[in-house]
Protein backbone atom coordinates (compact mmCIF):
# COMPACT_ATOMS: atom_id res chain seq x y z
CA MET A 1 112.95 99.76 71.95
CA SER A 2 112.43 102.34 69.25
CA GLU A 3 110.26 105.39 69.11
CA TRP A 4 108.93 107.35 66.21
CA ILE A 5 107.68 110.91 66.34
CA ASN A 6 105.53 112.07 63.47
CA VAL A 7 106.97 115.54 62.85
CA GLU A 8 103.98 116.50 60.72
CA ARG A 9 101.67 115.95 63.69
CA CYS A 10 103.99 117.25 66.43
CA ASN A 11 103.16 120.84 67.40
CA GLY A 12 106.12 121.22 69.77
CA CYS A 13 103.99 121.56 72.91
CA GLY A 14 106.69 119.85 75.04
CA ILE A 15 104.35 117.61 77.03
CA CYS A 16 106.34 114.52 76.08
CA VAL A 17 109.59 116.24 77.04
CA ASN A 18 108.24 117.11 80.48
CA LEU A 19 106.76 113.65 81.08
CA CYS A 20 109.76 111.54 80.09
CA PRO A 21 111.32 110.12 83.29
CA ARG A 22 114.62 109.31 81.55
CA ASP A 23 115.04 112.56 79.58
CA VAL A 24 114.97 110.62 76.30
CA ILE A 25 112.90 113.15 74.36
CA ARG A 26 114.10 116.70 73.77
CA LEU A 27 112.69 119.68 71.94
CA ASP A 28 114.59 120.62 68.80
CA GLU A 29 114.80 124.40 69.16
CA SER A 30 115.27 125.09 65.45
CA ALA A 31 112.45 122.85 64.21
CA LYS A 32 110.23 123.39 67.30
CA LYS A 33 109.49 119.66 67.31
CA ALA A 34 110.12 116.80 69.72
CA VAL A 35 113.00 114.47 68.89
CA VAL A 36 114.19 111.21 70.42
CA LYS A 37 117.65 112.17 71.60
CA TYR A 38 118.65 109.13 73.67
CA PRO A 39 116.65 106.07 72.48
CA GLU A 40 118.96 103.65 74.30
CA ASP A 41 117.83 105.14 77.64
CA CYS A 42 114.11 104.61 76.99
CA ILE A 43 112.39 102.32 79.52
CA ASN A 44 109.19 101.94 77.45
CA CYS A 45 106.96 103.66 80.03
CA GLN A 46 104.84 105.00 77.14
CA PHE A 47 103.91 108.24 78.96
CA CYS A 48 104.89 110.24 75.88
CA GLN A 49 102.58 108.26 73.63
CA ALA A 50 99.69 108.22 76.08
CA TYR A 51 99.68 111.96 76.78
CA CYS A 52 100.56 113.40 73.36
CA PRO A 53 97.53 115.55 72.45
CA GLN A 54 98.41 115.33 68.75
CA LYS A 55 98.90 111.52 68.77
CA ALA A 56 102.28 112.17 67.15
CA ILE A 57 104.20 109.47 69.04
CA ASN A 58 104.07 105.78 68.19
CA ILE A 59 106.21 103.42 70.25
CA LYS A 60 107.13 100.03 68.85
CA PHE A 61 108.59 97.62 71.37
CA ILE A 62 111.57 95.59 70.19
CA PRO A 63 112.44 92.84 72.69
CA ARG A 64 115.98 92.85 73.99
CA PRO A 65 118.03 89.65 74.15
CA PRO A 66 117.71 87.76 77.44
CA LEU A 67 120.16 88.51 80.20
CA VAL A 68 122.97 86.01 80.68
CA SER A 69 123.25 84.49 84.11
CA TRP A 70 126.84 84.33 85.37
CA LYS A 71 127.36 81.67 88.02
């Protein structure tokens, strides 16, 4: 799973940061923009994309390899 935040559109409102259940998105204090800090922890809930008022977040789902069954 990968996320992209359009920094030109992001106004740093922090809605995505507050909505993320896995704390994947953080606010970059110097740039005052949202950044994907821990992409490997994303569960693809898409709350950030759905509630971004600026439509600055675009999530692209990349399927993970299937789990191996150990018997």
